[in-house]
Amino acid sequence: MTTEADRVIEAASDELIGLSHSIHAEPELAFDEHRSAAKVVEVLRGAGFEIRTGIADLPTAFDARFGSGDLVIGICAEYDALPGIGHACGHNIIAASAAGAGLGLAAIADALGITVRVIGTPAEETGGGKVLMLEHGVFDDVAAAMMVHPGPFDITGATSLALADIAVTYEGREAHASAAPEYGRNAADAATVAQVAIGLLRQHLLPGQQIHGIVSDGGTAPNIVPAHTELLYYLRAATADSLADLSERAGNCFTAGALATGCTHRIRTVSPTYTELTPDPWLVQAYREVIIGMGRAPLPVEEEGARPLGSTDMGNVTNVVPGIHPVIGLDSGGAVTHQAAFAAACVTESADRAVLDGARALAATAVRVATDADQRDRLLEGVARR
């Protein structure tokens, strides 16, 4: 059956590579990926998939289904880009490989007794599309969820950090910075005190905890005491519990800025909290065997945990549904994700190979789990218990 899926993916190779390049050429940001989502939908609709768009009250989310088997395999497609540097995380490759895996599995869905769902998931970079879709029940019947993410090398059991995406605003009082500074309460100073406190806190963070942020609003003019400032911060940790600890400690630093300057402050959540990736061990091993058989050389298992992949809302999915989020390697010339040079590498010959290899590997992993009676039963029992 894998051979038939490979044949279909190979026959569609020009279309899949064209899809990857087309998405790359028109990068769109979170929740605004209208053209990108439509391009993926067009490929799947042409292959006979039943399409629903705008699911979970998200205009750029979609569900493409093929087959009627009791075992539902979900293939996640991402397609949002980064501001300023476009597809520097390679979501064009993710979307095209998901479409390719869907095409390959659709050709053998009846023989496998599966339903194939290619699920269009917007706003991974910020916004937490998958978290919102989980809350709307989009993944309720999914027995296994899969996707591949490009990177400089292959990683099978990829891990990620839990993430809190927050905005901190300070409100003070404006005044003339020269003629009457004593009447002001400087919100920029509040932000500075908070940043100094965060910088000192970093020495005492637990392993796996990270803090990074920017000043998104620092005032309007040098001769006006700033009455309003805003900080945007990401807090990350190895687990959700560790993230809760970090959030409390960082919160005290933000409060210190307000207390020291006589300002008020507010912390709001920008995106839903991302939990850490929890890949399913059996699916990881199956995928690993598949890509080694394809001639790829993934990182040794003992090194995988030392290379967390930032954070992803796929972590939330894998904490509910057995799933995998491996990295498919491409030749990036030393560039890493979220660099402009990596964006350029995502439409090279090596990237095109990653699209097709990723599609084949996902399809082959799905075939393995669907044809293993014990694993099939395990996944179906998991759905029944949800």
Protein backbone atom coordinates (compact mmCIF):
# COMPACT_ATOMS: atom_id res chain seq x y z
CA MET A 1 0.00 0.00 0.00
CA THR A 2 2.88 2.35 0.72
CA THR A 3 4.05 1.81 -2.84
CA GLU A 4 0.71 3.05 -4.19
CA ALA A 5 0.81 6.11 -1.94
CA ASP A 6 4.35 6.86 -3.12
CA ARG A 7 3.23 6.53 -6.72
CA VAL A 8 0.43 9.05 -6.25
CA ILE A 9 2.72 11.51 -4.46
CA GLU A 10 5.33 11.18 -7.19
CA ALA A 11 2.71 11.73 -9.88
CA ALA A 12 1.64 14.91 -8.09
CA SER A 13 5.20 16.14 -7.45
CA ASP A 14 5.05 19.09 -9.83
CA GLU A 15 1.76 20.24 -8.34
CA LEU A 16 3.03 19.88 -4.76
CA ILE A 17 6.28 21.71 -5.43
CA GLY A 18 4.33 24.39 -7.26
CA LEU A 19 2.06 24.72 -4.23
CA SER A 20 5.07 25.15 -1.94
CA HIS A 21 6.61 27.81 -4.17
CA SER A 22 3.32 29.65 -4.63
CA ILE A 23 2.66 29.90 -0.89
CA HIS A 24 6.25 31.01 -0.35
CA ALA A 25 5.89 33.77 -2.96
CA GLU A 26 2.86 35.32 -1.23
CA PRO A 27 3.55 35.19 2.53
CA GLU A 28 0.58 35.97 4.76
CA LEU A 29 0.49 36.55 8.51
CA ALA A 30 -1.53 34.83 11.23
CA PHE A 31 -5.29 34.60 10.60
CA ASP A 32 -4.83 36.42 7.28
CA GLU A 33 -3.67 33.44 5.19
CA HIS A 34 -6.60 33.58 2.77
CA ARG A 35 -4.66 32.95 -0.44
CA SER A 36 -2.45 30.29 1.13
CA ALA A 37 -5.34 28.30 2.58
CA ALA A 38 -7.23 28.52 -0.71
CA LYS A 39 -4.23 27.17 -2.62
CA VAL A 40 -4.04 24.07 -0.41
CA VAL A 41 -7.81 23.58 -0.61
CA GLU A 42 -7.69 23.79 -4.41
CA VAL A 43 -5.22 20.89 -4.63
CA LEU A 44 -7.28 18.71 -2.29
CA ARG A 45 -10.61 19.56 -3.86
CA GLY A 46 -9.20 18.52 -7.22
CA ALA A 47 -8.45 15.08 -5.74
CA GLY A 48 -12.02 14.60 -4.53
CA PHE A 49 -11.69 15.65 -0.89
CA GLU A 50 -14.82 16.92 0.85
CA ILE A 51 -13.96 20.45 1.97
CA ARG A 52 -15.26 22.60 4.82
CA THR A 53 -13.76 26.06 5.16
CA GLY A 54 -13.99 28.58 7.98
CA ILE A 55 -14.18 25.87 10.63
CA ALA A 56 -13.85 26.70 14.36
CA ASP A 57 -14.97 30.26 13.52
CA LEU A 58 -11.59 30.83 11.83
CA PRO A 59 -11.91 32.07 8.23
CA THR A 60 -8.55 30.61 7.16
CA ALA A 61 -8.99 27.19 8.79
CA PHE A 62 -10.30 24.22 6.82
CA ASP A 63 -11.06 20.52 7.02
CA ALA A 64 -10.53 18.33 3.95
CA ARG A 65 -11.82 14.73 4.28
CA PHE A 66 -11.51 11.61 2.18
CA GLY A 67 -12.73 8.11 3.02
CA SER A 68 -15.08 6.67 5.60
CA GLY A 69 -12.97 4.35 7.74
CA ASP A 70 -13.22 4.29 11.52
CA LEU A 71 -9.55 5.20 12.01
CA VAL A 72 -9.20 8.95 11.40
CA ILE A 73 -5.72 10.17 10.47
CA GLY A 74 -5.23 13.93 10.77
CA ILE A 75 -2.49 15.63 8.75
CA CYS A 76 -1.94 19.22 9.90
CA ALA A 77 -1.10 21.93 7.38
CA GLU A 78 0.39 25.24 8.48
CA TYR A 79 0.79 28.20 6.14
CA ASP A 80 1.29 31.43 8.09
CA ALA A 81 4.47 33.45 7.62
CA LEU A 82 6.59 35.73 9.79
CA PRO A 83 6.46 39.54 9.67
CA GLY A 84 9.28 41.00 7.61
CA ILE A 85 11.02 37.74 6.71
CA GLY A 86 8.22 35.74 5.10
CA HIS A 87 8.39 31.94 5.20
CA ALA A 88 11.51 31.76 7.34
CA CYS A 89 9.94 28.87 9.24
CA GLY A 90 9.13 26.95 6.07
CA HIS A 91 5.38 26.68 6.48
CA ASN A 92 5.11 26.51 2.69
CA ILE A 93 6.83 23.13 2.96
CA ILE A 94 4.55 22.04 5.81
CA ALA A 95 1.43 22.87 3.78
CA ALA A 96 2.65 21.15 0.61
CA SER A 97 3.85 18.01 2.39
CA ALA A 98 0.51 17.77 4.25
CA ALA A 99 -1.37 18.03 0.96
CA GLY A 100 0.92 15.40 -0.57
CA ALA A 101 0.42 12.98 2.33
CA GLY A 102 -3.32 13.52 2.01
CA LEU A 103 -3.26 12.68 -1.70
CA GLY A 104 -1.21 9.54 -1.13
CA LEU A 105 -3.42 8.28 1.69
CA ALA A 106 -6.63 9.08 -0.17
CA ALA A 107 -5.60 6.61 -2.88
CA ILE A 108 -5.51 3.76 -0.33
CA ALA A 109 -8.04 5.00 2.25
CA ASP A 110 -10.64 2.34 1.51
CA ALA A 111 -8.10 -0.47 1.54
CA LEU A 112 -6.74 0.75 4.88
CA GLY A 113 -10.15 1.42 6.42
CA ILE A 114 -9.22 4.99 7.29
CA THR A 115 -10.59 8.49 6.96
CA VAL A 116 -7.95 10.99 5.88
CA ARG A 117 -8.30 14.55 7.18
CA VAL A 118 -5.98 17.29 6.01
CA ILE A 119 -6.61 20.00 8.60
CA GLY A 120 -5.69 23.56 7.70
CA THR A 121 -4.42 25.19 10.89
CA PRO A 122 -3.78 28.96 10.73
CA ALA A 123 -1.76 31.19 13.03
CA GLU A 124 0.93 28.91 14.42
CA GLU A 125 3.55 31.64 14.70
CA THR A 126 1.26 33.69 16.91
CA GLY A 127 -2.41 33.24 17.66
CA GLY A 128 -2.58 29.53 18.51
CA GLY A 129 -4.88 28.36 15.75
CA LYS A 130 -4.65 24.71 16.79
CA VAL A 131 -5.50 25.58 20.40
CA LEU A 132 -8.66 27.34 19.25
CA MET A 133 -9.50 24.42 16.97
CA LEU A 134 -9.02 21.94 19.82
CA GLU A 135 -11.44 23.98 21.92
CA HIS A 136 -13.98 23.84 19.07
CA GLY A 137 -13.74 20.02 18.86
CA VAL A 138 -11.97 19.88 15.49
CA PHE A 139 -9.67 17.09 16.69
CA ASP A 140 -12.28 15.11 18.65
CA ASP A 141 -12.42 12.15 16.23
CA VAL A 142 -8.75 12.20 15.20
CA ALA A 143 -6.94 9.01 16.23
CA ALA A 144 -3.46 10.22 15.23
CA ALA A 145 -2.26 13.70 14.24
CA MET A 146 0.85 14.23 12.16
CA MET A 147 2.86 16.91 10.40
CA VAL A 148 6.46 17.61 9.38
CA HIS A 149 8.37 20.84 9.92
CA PRO A 150 11.47 21.83 7.92
CA GLY A 151 14.80 22.48 9.60
CA PRO A 152 18.55 22.20 9.00
CA PHE A 153 18.54 18.47 9.86
CA ASP A 154 16.15 15.57 10.45
CA ILE A 155 14.78 15.08 13.97
CA THR A 156 12.24 12.34 14.59
CA GLY A 157 11.20 12.78 18.24
CA ALA A 158 11.21 16.57 18.16
CA THR A 159 10.45 18.42 21.39
CA SER A 160 9.35 21.99 22.09
CA LEU A 161 8.88 24.39 24.97
CA ALA A 162 5.63 25.53 26.55
CA LEU A 163 5.00 29.19 25.76
CA ALA A 164 3.16 32.17 27.21
CA ASP A 165 2.71 35.10 24.79
CA ILE A 166 2.01 38.27 26.79
CA ALA A 167 1.81 42.05 26.49
CA VAL A 168 2.65 44.30 29.44
CA THR A 169 1.35 47.86 29.37
CA TYR A 170 2.33 50.68 31.73
CA GLU A 171 0.24 53.80 32.28
CA GLY A 172 1.82 56.90 33.80
CA ARG A 173 1.24 60.64 33.36
CA GLU A 174 2.61 62.86 30.61
CA ALA A 175 4.35 66.15 31.34
CA HIS A 176 6.87 68.46 29.70
CA ALA A 177 10.17 66.61 30.06
CA SER A 178 12.13 69.86 30.56
CA ALA A 179 9.73 72.48 31.97
CA ALA A 180 7.76 70.30 34.39
CA PRO A 181 9.18 66.75 34.66
CA GLU A 182 8.12 66.56 38.34
CA TYR A 183 4.50 66.36 37.23
CA GLY A 184 5.13 63.25 35.13
CA ARG A 185 5.07 59.55 35.88
CA ASN A 186 7.36 57.91 33.35
CA ALA A 187 5.94 54.74 31.82
CA ALA A 188 9.16 54.24 29.83
CA ASP A 189 11.10 54.16 33.09
CA ALA A 190 8.66 51.52 34.35
CA ALA A 191 9.47 49.40 31.30
CA THR A 192 13.21 49.94 31.88
CA VAL A 193 13.02 48.85 35.52
CA ALA A 194 11.08 45.75 34.47
CA GLN A 195 13.64 44.88 31.80
CA VAL A 196 16.52 45.27 34.25
CA ALA A 197 14.71 43.02 36.72
CA ILE A 198 14.07 40.43 33.99
CA GLY A 199 17.75 40.59 33.00
CA LEU A 200 18.82 39.89 36.59
CA LEU A 201 16.26 37.10 36.92
CA ARG A 202 17.79 35.26 33.95
CA GLN A 203 20.77 34.16 36.08
CA HIS A 204 18.40 32.19 38.29
CA LEU A 205 16.09 30.58 35.74
CA LEU A 206 15.49 26.84 35.88
CA PRO A 207 16.86 24.66 33.06
CA GLY A 208 14.61 25.02 30.03
CA GLN A 209 13.14 28.38 31.08
CA GLN A 210 13.61 31.31 28.69
CA ILE A 211 12.45 34.94 28.53
CA HIS A 212 12.71 37.26 25.54
CA GLY A 213 10.84 40.35 24.47
CA ILE A 214 10.75 43.74 22.80
CA VAL A 215 9.51 47.27 23.51
CA SER A 216 6.62 47.72 21.10
CA ASP A 217 5.69 51.22 22.31
CA GLY A 218 8.23 53.39 24.11
CA GLY A 219 6.72 56.86 23.97
CA THR A 220 5.98 59.54 21.39
CA ALA A 221 8.57 62.34 21.68
CA PRO A 222 11.72 63.08 23.73
CA ASN A 223 10.21 66.19 25.31
CA ILE A 224 7.08 64.41 26.55
CA VAL A 225 7.29 62.19 29.62
CA PRO A 226 5.86 58.91 28.26
CA ALA A 227 2.43 58.17 29.72
CA HIS A 228 2.07 54.83 27.96
CA THR A 229 4.48 52.02 27.04
CA GLU A 230 4.09 48.41 26.02
CA LEU A 231 6.35 45.37 26.20
CA LEU A 232 5.77 42.17 24.23
CA TYR A 233 7.30 39.09 25.84
CA TYR A 234 7.53 35.34 25.28
CA LEU A 235 8.00 33.18 28.37
CA ARG A 236 9.07 29.59 27.64
CA ALA A 237 9.72 26.50 29.74
CA ALA A 238 10.20 22.77 29.35
CA THR A 239 6.79 21.97 30.85
CA ALA A 240 3.53 23.71 31.60
CA ASP A 241 4.25 23.54 35.35
CA SER A 242 7.64 25.16 34.87
CA LEU A 243 6.02 27.83 32.71
CA ALA A 244 3.58 28.63 35.52
CA ASP A 245 6.52 29.14 37.89
CA LEU A 246 8.30 31.38 35.39
CA SER A 247 5.15 33.41 34.75
CA GLU A 248 4.83 34.18 38.47
CA ARG A 249 8.48 35.23 38.81
CA ALA A 250 8.42 37.35 35.65
CA GLY A 251 5.15 38.90 36.79
CA ASN A 252 6.89 40.18 39.90
CA CYS A 253 9.50 41.88 37.69
CA PHE A 254 6.80 43.62 35.69
CA THR A 255 5.09 44.72 38.92
CA ALA A 256 8.41 46.13 40.15
CA GLY A 257 8.51 48.51 37.19
CA ALA A 258 5.13 49.93 38.12
CA LEU A 259 5.90 50.22 41.85
CA ALA A 260 9.26 51.93 41.28
CA THR A 261 7.83 54.63 39.03
CA GLY A 262 4.35 55.24 40.39
CA CYS A 263 2.71 53.86 37.25
CA THR A 264 -0.01 51.27 36.87
CA HIS A 265 0.41 48.17 34.72
CA ARG A 266 -1.59 45.40 33.14
CA ILE A 267 -0.56 42.01 31.73
CA ARG A 268 -2.70 40.48 29.02
CA THR A 269 -2.42 37.23 27.09
CA VAL A 270 -1.84 37.80 23.38
CA SER A 271 -2.14 34.18 22.20
CA PRO A 272 -3.36 31.00 23.90
CA THR A 273 -0.69 29.26 25.96
CA TYR A 274 1.23 26.61 24.02
CA THR A 275 2.06 23.38 25.84
CA GLU A 276 5.17 21.31 25.20
CA LEU A 277 5.29 18.70 22.44
CA THR A 278 4.60 15.18 23.70
CA PRO A 279 5.23 12.97 20.65
CA ASP A 280 3.78 9.47 20.63
CA PRO A 281 6.70 6.99 21.02
CA TRP A 282 5.32 4.34 18.67
CA LEU A 283 4.58 6.84 15.90
CA VAL A 284 8.01 8.43 16.37
CA GLN A 285 9.75 5.08 15.98
CA ALA A 286 7.66 4.19 12.94
CA TYR A 287 8.48 7.53 11.30
CA ARG A 288 12.17 7.10 12.17
CA GLU A 289 12.33 3.71 10.48
CA VAL A 290 10.57 5.11 7.42
CA ILE A 291 12.95 8.02 6.85
CA ILE A 292 16.05 5.93 7.51
CA GLY A 293 14.71 3.56 4.86
CA MET A 294 14.46 6.57 2.54
CA GLY A 295 18.16 7.29 3.03
CA ARG A 296 17.83 10.12 5.51
CA ALA A 297 20.05 10.31 8.62
CA PRO A 298 18.16 11.76 11.59
CA LEU A 299 19.90 13.00 14.71
CA PRO A 300 20.71 10.23 17.21
CA VAL A 301 17.86 9.69 19.64
CA GLU A 302 20.01 10.73 22.61
CA GLU A 303 20.63 14.16 21.05
CA GLU A 304 17.03 15.01 20.17
CA GLY A 305 16.03 16.33 23.57
CA ALA A 306 18.92 18.80 23.58
CA ARG A 307 17.45 20.65 20.57
CA PRO A 308 13.95 21.94 21.46
CA LEU A 309 12.20 23.59 18.52
CA GLY A 310 11.10 26.80 20.18
CA SER A 311 7.35 26.45 20.76
CA THR A 312 4.37 25.30 18.72
CA ASP A 313 0.64 24.93 19.17
CA MET A 314 1.06 21.37 17.87
CA GLY A 315 2.20 20.71 21.44
CA ASN A 316 -1.37 21.25 22.61
CA VAL A 317 -2.59 18.74 20.05
CA THR A 318 -0.06 16.07 21.08
CA ASN A 319 -1.16 16.42 24.70
CA VAL A 320 -4.66 15.35 23.66
CA VAL A 321 -4.16 13.23 20.52
CA PRO A 322 -1.30 10.78 19.83
CA GLY A 323 0.83 12.63 17.33
CA ILE A 324 4.21 13.53 15.90
CA HIS A 325 5.89 16.74 14.77
CA PRO A 326 9.22 15.61 13.27
CA VAL A 327 11.67 17.88 11.49
CA ILE A 328 12.42 17.16 7.82
CA GLY A 329 15.93 18.30 6.98
CA LEU A 330 16.97 20.51 4.09
CA ASP A 331 20.23 22.11 3.02
CA SER A 332 19.97 25.62 4.44
CA GLY A 333 23.62 26.59 4.09
CA GLY A 334 23.99 26.97 7.84
CA ALA A 335 20.90 29.14 8.26
CA VAL A 336 18.34 28.29 10.93
CA THR A 337 14.62 28.94 11.15
CA HIS A 338 13.48 32.55 11.59
CA GLN A 339 16.40 33.85 9.51
CA ALA A 340 15.94 35.41 6.09
CA ALA A 341 18.48 32.98 4.66
CA PHE A 342 16.34 30.06 5.81
CA ALA A 343 13.34 31.56 4.02
CA ALA A 344 15.43 31.62 0.83
CA ALA A 345 16.42 27.98 1.39
CA CYS A 346 12.77 26.91 1.55
CA VAL A 347 12.32 27.08 -2.23
CA THR A 348 15.51 25.29 -3.27
CA GLU A 349 15.92 21.85 -4.78
CA SER A 350 16.64 20.50 -1.29
CA ALA A 351 13.44 22.06 0.03
CA ASP A 352 11.45 20.56 -2.84
CA ARG A 353 12.85 17.16 -1.93
CA ALA A 354 11.78 17.79 1.69
CA VAL A 355 8.21 18.43 0.48
CA LEU A 356 8.03 15.07 -1.29
CA ASP A 357 9.98 13.09 1.32
CA GLY A 358 7.85 14.59 4.09
CA ALA A 359 4.66 13.64 2.27
CA ARG A 360 5.89 10.09 1.65
CA ALA A 361 7.09 9.67 5.24
CA LEU A 362 3.82 10.83 6.77
CA ALA A 363 1.82 8.58 4.45
CA ALA A 364 4.04 5.58 5.20
CA THR A 365 3.77 6.16 8.95
CA ALA A 366 -0.01 6.27 8.66
CA VAL A 367 0.04 3.00 6.70
CA ARG A 368 2.11 1.35 9.42
CA VAL A 369 -0.22 2.33 12.24
CA ALA A 370 -3.35 1.49 10.25
CA THR A 371 -2.08 -2.02 9.43
CA ASP A 372 -0.80 -2.87 12.92
CA ALA A 373 -3.79 -4.40 14.70
CA ASP A 374 -2.54 -3.61 18.21
CA GLN A 375 -1.72 0.01 17.42
CA ARG A 376 -4.94 0.51 15.52
CA ASP A 377 -6.90 -0.75 18.52
CA ARG A 378 -4.88 1.49 20.85
CA LEU A 379 -5.64 4.59 18.82
CA LEU A 380 -9.34 3.78 18.45
CA GLU A 381 -9.63 3.13 22.19
CA GLY A 382 -8.00 6.52 22.82
CA VAL A 383 -10.66 8.25 20.74
CA ALA A 384 -13.42 6.40 22.60
CA ARG A 385 -12.00 7.52 25.98
CA ARG A 386 -11.83 11.20 25.04
